[in-house]
Structure formats: C-alpha cells, structure tokens
Amino acid sequence: MESYDPKSISAHSRGSSHRVLKYHFTSLGCPKNLVESEEMMAQLAISGMVLVHNPEEADLLIVNTCGFIAPAKEESVDVILELCHLRRKNPWQRLIVVGCLVQRYRKELKEELPEVDVFIGVDDKDDFLKSAWSAFDRPLQNPINTVFPFMPRLLTTPPHMAYLRISDGCFHKCSFCAIPKIRGTLRSRPIEEIVAEAKSLAAGGVKELVIVSQDTTSYGIDLYNRLAITDLLIRLEEIEDLEWIRLMYLYPHLVNRKLIQYFSRSQKLTSYVDLPIQHGDPEILKLMNRGATVIHIRRAIEKLREVRPDMTIRSTVIVGFPGEKQRHFENMMRLLEELDFDRLGVFKYSKEDGTPAELLPNHVSDRIKDKRFQTVFDWSMEKALQRNQRFIGEIMTVLIDGKDAGGDGYWGRYQGQAPEVDGQVYVRGGQIIPGRFAPVRISEADEENLFGYIHSDINIVNA
C-alpha cells in the first residue's frame, strides 16, 4: 500500500488525475447497513481506489449513517461532525455522507453541514460510485457493470462469517417504526441471485451465513406471492461448504408450519432465532400495530421449542410506549416470565418523526421509561446468568472467531450466540485456527459470556 505524509503533499498534487485515491469508510447501524457498506467499499476498490484505516491518510471520507432511533441518529451526527472537523483541516479531502439519516433529513443536513461534499440517500445509492469520483473532478475509471450476478462485497466480518441480506424495506406498518418511510416497502431479492452470492461467499471460506432483512419471515411474498423463506433455506442448505445458517428478524405471526417443519429436519439451521415481540400486553401490541397477538407469540415459541428443544430464542421489547400504564407493563413482565426467553434486549420508546406513534396521546415520562427499562434489564440479566450457568460442565461445539494477540486464548460462539448482539465463548488451551470448530468444555459463566477450555488433547489446527 502506498504511504505518504499527508502534510508533505500539496493540494495540487493531491488533485492529480494520475495518483491513486485512498478512501476511509465508517459504517454505522445494523448488519443490513453493514452489507451496503461492504458493497460500496467493493465498488470503490474495483474502480481503483485503495482502502486505508487512518482517516488522516484518506482522500475520500465516507460514512454510512443510521437514522432509525434517536441514539443511532446521535451517533451518526457525532461521527459526521468529527469527519467535518478533519475535512476542514485537510482541504484536499472530500466527505460523502450516505444512508438512512440522509434519506430522512437531507435538507436539514445540507443546511447545517456545508463541509460535506455529497449527500446520498437510500433512494439514490446507485449514484454513489459516480459521485465519489466526481468529487475529485475525475471520471469513473472502472464502472460496475452487469457481469456480476450480484453486487460484490468487501467483507469486513471475520472471513468465516458473513451477513446475507435477502430483502430490503418492509410492508408492515408498526406505529413506532420509521423504516418503511426510509427504506420503502418490501423488495425481495430473487432466490437465484441470493444463492449465487451465498455460493461465492462459501467458496471464499465462509462457514456461517447470518440471514438479515427488515422482516425475514416475509421474504418472497412480493416476488412469488407466497412466504418463500423456507424455499430459500432449502437451496442454501445444498451449498456444501456452509456449516451454519442463522435466522434473524422473524415476525411471530409469520412463523408458519412450513418453516417449523424445516427446522425439525435441517442439518444447517442453527438452533437459534431472533423473534422480536416488542411488548406483551394486547392493548399495547394493538397500538403498536404489530400484527402479532399474544396468541401468535406463544404459538410460535411453543412450536419452535417443540421441534428444537435446544433452541435459543432471542427477543426485544420496548418500554414506555405511548399509553403504557403500569398494568400494561406488568402484563408484559408476566408474559416474559412465562416465555422465558434465552436472550432479551430492552429499549426505551423513542419518538420518531413522521410515525403514527408520535401523534398518540399519553406519552410516558422519561423518569418512568428509565425505571421500567431498569426493571426489565435487571430481570433479563438475572435470567441470562441462570441460563448460562446451566452450561457449566457441558461440552459445546464452538466456532472460533479470533485469537488473543500475543496470548493463548481464543474467542468464539456456540450456536446460541449470534455475532455482535450476543455474548461469546472465551477459550483456553490447544492450538486452533480461527474459522474452525472446536469442542469446548464450559467451566464458568457470567450474564453474557461463557468460559471454557478445549476438550481434547489434540491440537485443532487442520481439522
């Protein structure tokens, strides 16, 4: 990689049409956003730019923003302001802001952030590559054309794991959610295109595919006039080199019999689902316009655990939704006790511009939101510790994700841990290449993580 002292090169030479341009990329938000960032990075690389990790060295600064809820928006704005400060110090640099925040607040951002050279929303992301080169008054060198059966990606995850986005947008109308306004309605990718990408990832060494979308269970309804997620899974399971396929973002009322039956016979679907319920009181669920009732929620969980007794079920709930009274909150807590989720994320309701919930009466005070949040959080941590302690003494198959720098420790995940959102298994003993599976005997546990050692006298190097 070419290196230079940024202060020693004149602005004139930085504008040269012959010099290789360098870019620095910041990706914020969810895994679906990360996939788009990886696609944009691949476009830049194929077109002739070089990725650098130090923003000071970059000619082009890019940030892919999240605009979903207030904390995500605040994080995006903070990062943009940092890059604007850098841009002011280095006049040769160009700054591009892309993604959901731009889609929602383009006008306001343009008025407040003159240092940003280009704003690109979700709807005009096809113009990203051309805009990146135009920022330097240079023509696009190697345009991405139709030779690719899918958009290539520059993976930022460990080489043995990748997210696979199967659709964009959402046709649900949850009253608190801005995603349909940002991303539009559901648009599924064709099965053949997804399978082609999955085969390419597997050929590159990916062992675990994490299926992501705004609503995985609705996949295909727009293309095939049916819920086609099981049809897709059947095709993915045929890919020889894949070991684990993990499902995220399932809607309880759309977990149908076909999907349940496939869980009962699949050899590659992990015993894990992400099944957000968002609340447990019928009145609040109706105000949220979730589609799922408590009956749907109970049935989905009962059937999943029936076919996979070892199933890890992760869910999320929102406290402090407009109109939530103490009795609604207590009803939710009773349902959580009954359902006994393995993992639970809790969020405080955030008022989002342009959503129906914004106009609802009886908004809950921040004080009560904080109190209810803490109650659920403390309860979930206590339950998580109890669940993790049950594994002490057991031998688990762990996918090793990485190795301690300069140490003899490793970390990885068993089937019941999704990357980034759940804890990890910390491992001692043996010699293991990251990306391989290892038998690990669990010796300790806390609320999030498990700790153990290799259950074998054989070094797992070439297994």
Protein backbone atom coordinates (compact mmCIF):
# COMPACT_ATOMS: atom_id res chain seq x y z
CA MET A 1 0.00 0.00 0.00
CA GLU A 2 1.33 3.41 -0.95
CA SER A 3 2.16 5.59 2.07
CA TYR A 4 2.97 9.24 2.45
CA ASP A 5 3.00 12.10 4.91
CA PRO A 6 -0.33 13.92 4.29
CA LYS A 7 1.22 17.25 5.31
CA SER A 8 4.06 16.93 2.81
CA ILE A 9 1.90 16.73 -0.28
CA SER A 10 0.44 19.82 -1.82
CA ALA A 11 -3.21 20.26 -2.60
CA HIS A 12 -2.23 20.48 -6.26
CA SER A 13 -0.56 17.06 -6.28
CA ARG A 14 -3.49 15.58 -4.39
CA GLY A 15 -5.74 16.65 -7.21
CA SER A 16 -3.60 14.90 -9.82
CA SER A 17 -5.56 12.76 -12.23
CA HIS A 18 -2.79 10.12 -12.14
CA ARG A 19 -2.47 9.49 -8.39
CA VAL A 20 -4.26 6.58 -6.74
CA LEU A 21 -7.03 7.85 -4.49
CA LYS A 22 -7.41 6.50 -0.96
CA TYR A 23 -10.64 6.19 1.00
CA HIS A 24 -11.67 5.65 4.62
CA PHE A 25 -15.07 4.13 5.39
CA THR A 26 -17.17 4.33 8.58
CA SER A 27 -20.22 2.07 8.76
CA LEU A 28 -22.85 2.67 11.45
CA GLY A 29 -26.07 0.94 12.40
CA CYS A 30 -27.36 -2.56 11.77
CA PRO A 31 -25.91 -5.54 9.86
CA LYS A 32 -28.13 -4.66 6.90
CA ASN A 33 -26.34 -1.31 6.74
CA LEU A 34 -23.01 -3.10 7.01
CA VAL A 35 -23.83 -5.19 3.93
CA GLU A 36 -24.48 -2.00 1.96
CA SER A 37 -21.21 -0.55 3.24
CA GLU A 38 -19.36 -3.67 2.09
CA GLU A 39 -20.96 -3.29 -1.35
CA MET A 40 -19.88 0.36 -1.59
CA MET A 41 -16.36 -0.50 -0.48
CA ALA A 42 -16.13 -3.17 -3.17
CA GLN A 43 -17.30 -0.67 -5.78
CA LEU A 44 -14.58 1.75 -4.74
CA ALA A 45 -11.92 -0.98 -4.78
CA ILE A 46 -12.93 -2.31 -8.20
CA SER A 47 -12.96 1.23 -9.58
CA GLY A 48 -9.38 1.79 -8.48
CA MET A 49 -9.43 3.38 -5.01
CA VAL A 50 -7.47 1.98 -2.06
CA LEU A 51 -8.86 1.47 1.45
CA VAL A 52 -6.92 2.99 4.37
CA HIS A 53 -7.72 2.62 8.07
CA ASN A 54 -6.41 6.01 9.14
CA PRO A 55 -8.80 8.82 8.10
CA GLU A 56 -5.88 11.27 8.12
CA GLU A 57 -4.38 9.41 5.14
CA ALA A 58 -7.59 9.33 3.10
CA ASP A 59 -8.53 11.49 0.16
CA LEU A 60 -12.15 10.40 0.47
CA LEU A 61 -14.05 10.07 3.75
CA ILE A 62 -17.34 8.14 3.71
CA VAL A 63 -19.80 7.48 6.50
CA ASN A 64 -22.83 5.24 6.10
CA THR A 65 -25.36 6.52 8.61
CA CYS A 66 -28.22 5.06 10.63
CA GLY A 67 -31.42 7.06 11.14
CA PHE A 68 -33.62 4.51 12.90
CA ILE A 69 -33.90 5.73 16.50
CA ALA A 70 -32.63 8.71 18.47
CA PRO A 71 -29.40 7.16 19.86
CA ALA A 72 -28.44 5.92 16.38
CA LYS A 73 -29.10 9.34 14.88
CA GLU A 74 -27.00 11.00 17.57
CA GLU A 75 -24.11 8.61 16.92
CA SER A 76 -24.30 9.32 13.17
CA VAL A 77 -24.26 13.08 13.72
CA ASP A 78 -21.30 12.82 16.11
CA VAL A 79 -19.27 10.85 13.56
CA ILE A 80 -20.16 13.28 10.75
CA LEU A 81 -19.06 16.23 12.89
CA GLU A 82 -15.72 14.54 13.62
CA LEU A 83 -15.13 13.97 9.92
CA CYS A 84 -16.19 17.54 9.11
CA HIS A 85 -13.54 18.77 11.54
CA LEU A 86 -10.95 16.63 9.76
CA ARG A 87 -12.21 17.83 6.37
CA ARG A 88 -11.72 21.47 7.42
CA LYS A 89 -8.11 20.77 8.41
CA ASN A 90 -7.35 18.92 5.17
CA PRO A 91 -8.82 20.86 2.25
CA TRP A 92 -7.80 18.19 -0.29
CA GLN A 93 -10.15 15.69 1.34
CA ARG A 94 -13.72 15.05 0.23
CA LEU A 95 -16.54 13.88 2.51
CA ILE A 96 -19.55 11.82 1.46
CA VAL A 97 -22.43 11.05 3.82
CA VAL A 98 -24.77 8.26 2.78
CA GLY A 99 -27.61 6.16 4.15
CA CYS A 100 -30.74 6.32 6.26
CA LEU A 101 -30.04 9.60 8.07
CA VAL A 102 -29.63 11.38 4.73
CA GLN A 103 -32.84 9.80 3.46
CA ARG A 104 -34.75 11.25 6.42
CA TYR A 105 -33.04 14.61 6.91
CA ARG A 106 -31.23 15.54 3.71
CA LYS A 107 -32.43 19.16 3.66
CA GLU A 108 -31.50 19.82 7.29
CA LEU A 109 -28.09 18.14 6.93
CA LYS A 110 -27.21 20.14 3.83
CA GLU A 111 -28.05 23.37 5.62
CA GLU A 112 -26.11 22.51 8.78
CA LEU A 113 -23.06 20.74 7.30
CA PRO A 114 -21.52 22.70 4.40
CA GLU A 115 -18.28 20.74 4.81
CA VAL A 116 -19.97 17.65 3.38
CA ASP A 117 -19.35 17.43 -0.37
CA VAL A 118 -22.03 14.88 -1.27
CA PHE A 119 -25.18 13.56 0.41
CA ILE A 120 -26.55 10.25 -0.87
CA GLY A 121 -29.79 8.80 0.46
CA VAL A 122 -31.13 5.28 0.23
CA ASP A 123 -33.04 6.05 -2.96
CA ASP A 124 -30.03 7.38 -4.88
CA LYS A 125 -27.33 4.96 -3.69
CA ASP A 126 -26.89 3.77 -7.30
CA ASP A 127 -25.16 7.12 -7.90
CA PHE A 128 -22.63 6.52 -5.13
CA LEU A 129 -19.65 5.42 -7.22
CA LYS A 130 -20.05 8.12 -9.85
CA SER A 131 -20.43 10.75 -7.11
CA ALA A 132 -17.28 9.52 -5.35
CA TRP A 133 -15.14 10.10 -8.44
CA SER A 134 -16.93 13.29 -9.42
CA ALA A 135 -15.99 14.77 -6.04
CA PHE A 136 -12.40 14.88 -7.37
CA ASP A 137 -13.42 16.01 -10.88
CA ARG A 138 -12.27 12.67 -12.20
CA PRO A 139 -14.20 10.28 -14.43
CA LEU A 140 -15.19 6.86 -13.16
CA GLN A 141 -12.35 4.52 -14.13
CA ASN A 142 -13.87 1.03 -13.85
CA PRO A 143 -17.67 1.18 -13.60
CA ILE A 144 -19.50 -1.76 -12.06
CA ASN A 145 -21.36 -3.43 -14.90
CA THR A 146 -23.72 -6.33 -15.38
CA VAL A 147 -21.08 -9.08 -15.36
CA PHE A 148 -21.76 -9.65 -11.65
CA PRO A 149 -24.82 -11.82 -10.84
CA PHE A 150 -24.96 -9.94 -7.51
CA MET A 151 -23.33 -6.83 -6.07
CA PRO A 152 -19.79 -7.76 -4.96
CA ARG A 153 -18.75 -7.01 -1.38
CA LEU A 154 -15.55 -6.29 0.51
CA LEU A 155 -16.21 -8.29 3.68
CA THR A 156 -15.41 -6.61 7.00
CA THR A 157 -16.53 -9.56 9.13
CA PRO A 158 -14.22 -12.45 10.07
CA PRO A 159 -13.53 -14.44 6.87
CA HIS A 160 -15.55 -17.44 8.06
CA MET A 161 -18.76 -15.50 8.73
CA ALA A 162 -20.89 -13.15 6.62
CA TYR A 163 -24.27 -11.46 6.67
CA LEU A 164 -26.58 -12.30 3.77
CA ARG A 165 -29.25 -9.68 3.09
CA ILE A 166 -32.26 -11.24 1.37
CA SER A 167 -34.56 -8.23 1.03
CA ASP A 168 -34.88 -4.52 1.70
CA GLY A 169 -37.76 -2.45 3.02
CA CYS A 170 -40.79 -3.62 4.95
CA PHE A 171 -44.52 -3.81 4.26
CA HIS A 172 -45.50 -3.80 7.95
CA LYS A 173 -46.84 -0.57 9.43
CA CYS A 174 -45.65 -0.70 13.04
CA SER A 175 -46.72 2.62 14.50
CA PHE A 176 -43.35 3.37 16.15
CA CYS A 177 -41.11 2.48 13.20
CA ALA A 178 -39.70 4.79 10.53
CA ILE A 179 -38.17 2.04 8.36
CA PRO A 180 -40.97 1.96 5.74
CA LYS A 181 -40.57 5.73 5.33
CA ILE A 182 -36.81 5.38 4.97
CA ARG A 183 -36.47 2.11 3.09
CA GLY A 184 -39.84 1.76 1.40
CA THR A 185 -41.94 -1.36 1.08
CA LEU A 186 -40.62 -4.93 0.94
CA ARG A 187 -38.39 -5.74 -2.03
CA SER A 188 -37.12 -9.32 -2.01
CA ARG A 189 -34.07 -10.43 -3.96
CA PRO A 190 -34.60 -13.38 -6.34
CA ILE A 191 -33.64 -16.77 -4.91
CA GLU A 192 -31.14 -17.45 -7.70
CA GLU A 193 -29.30 -14.19 -7.03
CA ILE A 194 -29.10 -14.88 -3.28
CA VAL A 195 -27.90 -18.46 -3.83
CA ALA A 196 -25.23 -17.24 -6.25
CA GLU A 197 -23.93 -14.81 -3.64
CA ALA A 198 -24.04 -17.47 -0.91
CA LYS A 199 -22.05 -19.90 -3.09
CA SER A 200 -19.46 -17.21 -3.73
CA LEU A 201 -19.17 -16.49 0.00
CA ALA A 202 -18.83 -20.19 0.82
CA ALA A 203 -16.17 -20.61 -1.85
CA GLY A 204 -14.27 -17.80 -0.14
CA GLY A 205 -14.26 -19.63 3.20
CA VAL A 206 -17.50 -18.50 4.85
CA LYS A 207 -18.85 -21.19 7.20
CA GLU A 208 -21.68 -19.23 8.81
CA LEU A 209 -24.31 -17.20 6.99
CA VAL A 210 -26.45 -14.84 9.06
CA ILE A 211 -29.68 -14.12 7.20
CA VAL A 212 -30.79 -10.50 7.64
CA SER A 213 -33.56 -8.24 6.38
CA GLN A 214 -36.16 -5.95 7.90
CA ASP A 215 -38.52 -8.94 8.06
CA THR A 216 -37.04 -12.31 7.18
CA THR A 217 -40.33 -14.21 7.51
CA SER A 218 -42.00 -12.13 4.77
CA TYR A 219 -39.28 -12.94 2.25
CA GLY A 220 -40.64 -13.61 -1.23
CA ILE A 221 -44.24 -12.51 -0.77
CA ASP A 222 -43.70 -9.71 -3.30
CA LEU A 223 -41.87 -11.88 -5.87
CA TYR A 224 -43.55 -15.25 -5.54
CA ASN A 225 -46.89 -14.40 -3.95
CA ARG A 226 -46.05 -16.65 -1.00
CA LEU A 227 -43.82 -16.74 2.07
CA ALA A 228 -40.72 -18.22 0.46
CA ILE A 229 -38.12 -18.16 3.23
CA THR A 230 -38.22 -21.95 3.57
CA ASP A 231 -37.74 -22.39 -0.19
CA LEU A 232 -34.65 -20.18 0.05
CA LEU A 233 -33.29 -22.07 3.07
CA ILE A 234 -33.62 -25.40 1.24
CA ARG A 235 -31.45 -24.04 -1.57
CA LEU A 236 -28.89 -22.55 0.81
CA GLU A 237 -28.55 -25.82 2.71
CA GLU A 238 -27.44 -27.51 -0.52
CA ILE A 239 -24.25 -25.42 -0.53
CA GLU A 240 -21.65 -27.93 0.59
CA ASP A 241 -19.13 -25.74 2.40
CA LEU A 242 -21.67 -23.92 4.59
CA GLU A 243 -21.98 -25.20 8.16
CA TRP A 244 -24.34 -22.79 9.94
CA ILE A 245 -27.29 -20.77 8.67
CA ARG A 246 -28.72 -18.33 11.22
CA LEU A 247 -32.08 -16.55 11.03
CA MET A 248 -32.60 -13.01 12.32
CA TYR A 249 -35.66 -10.71 12.44
CA LEU A 250 -38.61 -13.12 12.41
CA TYR A 251 -42.17 -11.87 12.97
CA PRO A 252 -44.01 -14.23 15.37
CA HIS A 253 -47.28 -14.38 13.41
CA LEU A 254 -45.43 -15.28 10.19
CA VAL A 255 -43.52 -18.25 11.61
CA ASN A 256 -45.58 -20.80 9.68
CA ARG A 257 -45.85 -24.58 9.70
CA LYS A 258 -43.54 -24.98 6.69
CA LEU A 259 -40.71 -23.13 8.44
CA ILE A 260 -41.26 -25.04 11.68
CA GLN A 261 -41.15 -28.36 9.85
CA TYR A 262 -37.95 -27.37 8.11
CA PHE A 263 -36.33 -26.59 11.46
CA SER A 264 -37.16 -30.16 12.50
CA ARG A 265 -35.11 -31.71 9.66
CA SER A 266 -32.48 -29.13 8.73
CA GLN A 267 -28.87 -30.02 9.43
CA LYS A 268 -27.52 -26.49 9.00
CA LEU A 269 -30.07 -24.13 10.54
CA THR A 270 -28.68 -23.14 13.92
CA SER A 271 -30.85 -23.74 16.97
CA TYR A 272 -31.34 -20.00 17.27
CA VAL A 273 -33.94 -17.46 16.18
CA ASP A 274 -34.29 -13.74 16.68
CA LEU A 275 -38.00 -13.15 17.32
CA PRO A 276 -38.78 -9.56 18.39
CA ILE A 277 -42.14 -9.31 20.18
CA GLN A 278 -41.77 -5.61 21.27
CA HIS A 279 -44.38 -5.95 24.03
CA GLY A 280 -46.53 -8.45 25.89
CA ASP A 281 -49.77 -6.62 26.55
CA PRO A 282 -52.61 -6.99 23.99
CA GLU A 283 -53.63 -3.32 24.16
CA ILE A 284 -50.10 -2.03 23.61
CA LEU A 285 -49.44 -4.54 20.82
CA LYS A 286 -52.56 -3.24 19.09
CA LEU A 287 -51.41 0.38 19.49
CA MET A 288 -48.06 -0.65 18.08
CA ASN A 289 -49.83 -2.20 15.08
CA ARG A 290 -47.52 -5.17 15.28
CA GLY A 291 -49.81 -7.71 13.60
CA ALA A 292 -48.87 -10.36 16.15
CA THR A 293 -51.08 -11.08 19.14
CA VAL A 294 -50.05 -12.75 22.39
CA ILE A 295 -51.56 -15.95 20.98
CA HIS A 296 -49.29 -15.73 17.91
CA ILE A 297 -46.26 -15.14 20.13
CA ARG A 298 -47.00 -18.08 22.42
CA ARG A 299 -47.69 -20.42 19.50
CA ALA A 300 -44.51 -19.55 17.61
CA ILE A 301 -42.30 -20.10 20.65
CA GLU A 302 -44.07 -23.31 21.66
CA LYS A 303 -43.69 -24.82 18.16
CA LEU A 304 -40.04 -23.78 17.80
CA ARG A 305 -39.10 -25.33 21.13
CA GLU A 306 -41.14 -28.42 20.31
CA VAL A 307 -39.04 -29.23 17.21
CA ARG A 308 -35.77 -27.94 18.68
CA PRO A 309 -35.67 -28.39 22.47
CA ASP A 310 -32.21 -26.77 22.48
CA MET A 311 -33.50 -23.69 20.63
CA THR A 312 -32.09 -20.34 21.78
CA ILE A 313 -34.73 -17.65 21.31
CA ARG A 314 -33.74 -14.00 21.41
CA SER A 315 -36.35 -11.24 21.60
CA THR A 316 -36.68 -7.50 22.17
CA VAL A 317 -39.23 -5.34 23.96
CA ILE A 318 -39.94 -1.61 24.09
CA VAL A 319 -40.90 0.09 27.36
CA GLY A 320 -42.60 3.44 27.72
CA PHE A 321 -44.70 3.27 24.55
CA PRO A 322 -47.40 6.00 24.49
CA GLY A 323 -50.32 4.92 26.64
CA GLU A 324 -48.35 2.25 28.52
CA LYS A 325 -49.68 2.17 32.07
CA GLN A 326 -48.36 0.18 34.98
CA ARG A 327 -50.86 -2.64 34.34
CA HIS A 328 -49.68 -2.93 30.73
CA PHE A 329 -46.09 -3.12 31.90
CA GLU A 330 -46.93 -5.78 34.49
CA ASN A 331 -48.75 -7.82 31.85
CA MET A 332 -45.63 -7.72 29.71
CA MET A 333 -43.45 -8.85 32.61
CA ARG A 334 -45.77 -11.78 33.30
CA LEU A 335 -45.55 -12.86 29.67
CA LEU A 336 -41.77 -12.57 29.73
CA GLU A 337 -41.66 -14.80 32.81
CA GLU A 338 -43.89 -17.32 31.07
CA LEU A 339 -41.99 -17.36 27.76
CA ASP A 340 -38.58 -17.49 29.44
CA PHE A 341 -36.54 -16.09 26.55
CA ASP A 342 -32.89 -17.05 26.39
CA ARG A 343 -31.84 -13.54 25.37
CA LEU A 344 -33.75 -10.30 25.74
CA GLY A 345 -32.93 -6.81 24.51
CA VAL A 346 -34.83 -3.88 26.00
CA PHE A 347 -35.27 -0.40 24.52
CA LYS A 348 -36.91 2.79 25.68
CA TYR A 349 -39.54 4.13 23.30
CA SER A 350 -38.13 6.86 21.07
CA LYS A 351 -40.43 9.37 19.40
CA GLU A 352 -39.70 9.22 15.68
CA ASP A 353 -40.61 11.97 13.22
CA GLY A 354 -43.47 11.11 10.91
CA THR A 355 -44.58 7.91 12.63
CA PRO A 356 -48.16 7.34 13.84
CA ALA A 357 -46.98 6.76 17.42
CA GLU A 358 -45.61 10.31 17.51
CA LEU A 359 -49.21 11.58 17.43
CA LEU A 360 -50.60 9.21 20.06
CA PRO A 361 -51.77 10.70 23.38
CA ASN A 362 -50.42 9.89 26.83
CA HIS A 363 -46.70 9.82 26.18
CA VAL A 364 -44.76 8.31 29.07
CA SER A 365 -42.32 10.46 31.03
CA ASP A 366 -38.59 9.84 30.79
CA ARG A 367 -38.50 9.08 34.52
CA ILE A 368 -40.98 6.23 34.17
CA LYS A 369 -39.28 4.96 31.00
CA ASP A 370 -35.96 4.84 32.84
CA LYS A 371 -37.47 2.98 35.78
CA ARG A 372 -39.22 0.39 33.61
CA PHE A 373 -36.14 -0.05 31.45
CA GLN A 374 -34.01 -0.78 34.51
CA THR A 375 -36.57 -3.25 35.83
CA VAL A 376 -36.58 -5.26 32.60
CA PHE A 377 -32.83 -5.00 32.16
CA ASP A 378 -32.04 -6.23 35.68
CA TRP A 379 -34.56 -9.06 35.31
CA SER A 380 -33.09 -10.10 31.94
CA MET A 381 -29.54 -10.12 33.31
CA GLU A 382 -30.56 -12.32 36.22
CA LYS A 383 -32.28 -14.75 33.84
CA ALA A 384 -29.33 -14.72 31.45
CA LEU A 385 -26.92 -15.61 34.26
CA GLN A 386 -29.13 -18.52 35.35
CA ARG A 387 -29.32 -19.81 31.79
CA ASN A 388 -25.60 -19.53 31.14
CA GLN A 389 -24.74 -21.26 34.41
CA ARG A 390 -26.67 -24.32 33.22
CA PHE A 391 -23.96 -24.90 30.61
CA ILE A 392 -21.15 -25.30 33.16
CA GLY A 393 -19.68 -28.77 32.71
CA GLU A 394 -21.14 -29.27 29.23
CA ILE A 395 -19.12 -29.73 26.04
CA MET A 396 -20.13 -27.36 23.25
CA THR A 397 -19.17 -27.04 19.61
CA VAL A 398 -17.74 -23.53 19.23
CA LEU A 399 -16.93 -21.68 16.03
CA ILE A 400 -13.65 -19.92 16.81
CA ASP A 401 -13.80 -16.26 15.72
CA GLY A 402 -10.40 -14.97 16.80
CA LYS A 403 -7.25 -15.26 18.91
CA ASP A 404 -5.86 -13.04 21.64
CA ALA A 405 -2.94 -11.01 20.33
CA GLY A 406 0.18 -12.39 21.98
CA GLY A 407 -1.82 -14.70 24.25
CA ASP A 408 -3.00 -18.30 24.30
CA GLY A 409 -6.71 -17.50 24.42
CA TYR A 410 -9.41 -17.59 21.77
CA TRP A 411 -12.96 -16.44 21.47
CA GLY A 412 -15.86 -17.81 19.51
CA ARG A 413 -19.56 -18.65 19.64
CA TYR A 414 -21.76 -21.68 20.04
CA GLN A 415 -24.99 -21.99 18.05
CA GLY A 416 -26.94 -19.96 20.59
CA GLN A 417 -24.84 -16.81 20.13
CA ALA A 418 -25.33 -14.51 17.15
CA PRO A 419 -22.40 -12.26 16.20
CA GLU A 420 -22.32 -8.79 17.73
CA VAL A 421 -25.66 -8.98 19.59
CA ASP A 422 -24.95 -11.86 22.00
CA GLY A 423 -22.02 -12.82 24.14
CA GLN A 424 -19.07 -15.06 23.32
CA VAL A 425 -17.27 -18.18 24.48
CA TYR A 426 -13.74 -17.48 25.71
CA VAL A 427 -11.47 -20.49 25.26
CA ARG A 428 -8.11 -21.61 26.66
CA GLY A 429 -5.89 -24.50 25.65
CA GLY A 430 -4.96 -26.10 22.37
CA GLN A 431 -3.95 -24.56 19.09
CA ILE A 432 -6.83 -23.51 16.90
CA ILE A 433 -7.11 -21.72 13.60
CA PRO A 434 -9.91 -19.12 13.69
CA GLY A 435 -12.73 -20.23 11.45
CA ARG A 436 -12.59 -23.83 12.68
CA PHE A 437 -14.97 -25.58 15.05
CA ALA A 438 -13.72 -26.81 18.41
CA PRO A 439 -15.16 -28.87 21.29
CA VAL A 440 -15.12 -26.70 24.41
CA ARG A 441 -15.94 -27.73 27.97
CA ILE A 442 -17.61 -24.83 29.80
CA SER A 443 -16.13 -24.05 33.21
CA GLU A 444 -17.52 -20.59 34.05
CA ALA A 445 -20.31 -18.23 33.01
CA ASP A 446 -21.48 -14.67 33.52
CA GLU A 447 -24.58 -12.84 32.26
CA GLU A 448 -23.30 -12.57 28.70
CA ASN A 449 -20.31 -14.87 28.16
CA LEU A 450 -19.16 -18.43 28.68
CA PHE A 451 -15.63 -19.53 29.56
CA GLY A 452 -14.02 -22.89 28.93
CA TYR A 453 -11.14 -24.93 27.59
CA ILE A 454 -10.55 -27.22 24.63
CA HIS A 455 -11.91 -30.68 25.38
CA SER A 456 -9.18 -32.62 23.59
CA ASP A 457 -5.51 -33.41 23.80
CA ILE A 458 -5.30 -32.96 20.02
CA ASN A 459 -4.44 -29.54 18.63
CA ILE A 460 -7.22 -28.39 16.30
CA VAL A 461 -5.11 -26.87 13.56
CA ASN A 462 -6.01 -28.78 10.43
CA ALA A 463 -9.31 -30.32 11.50
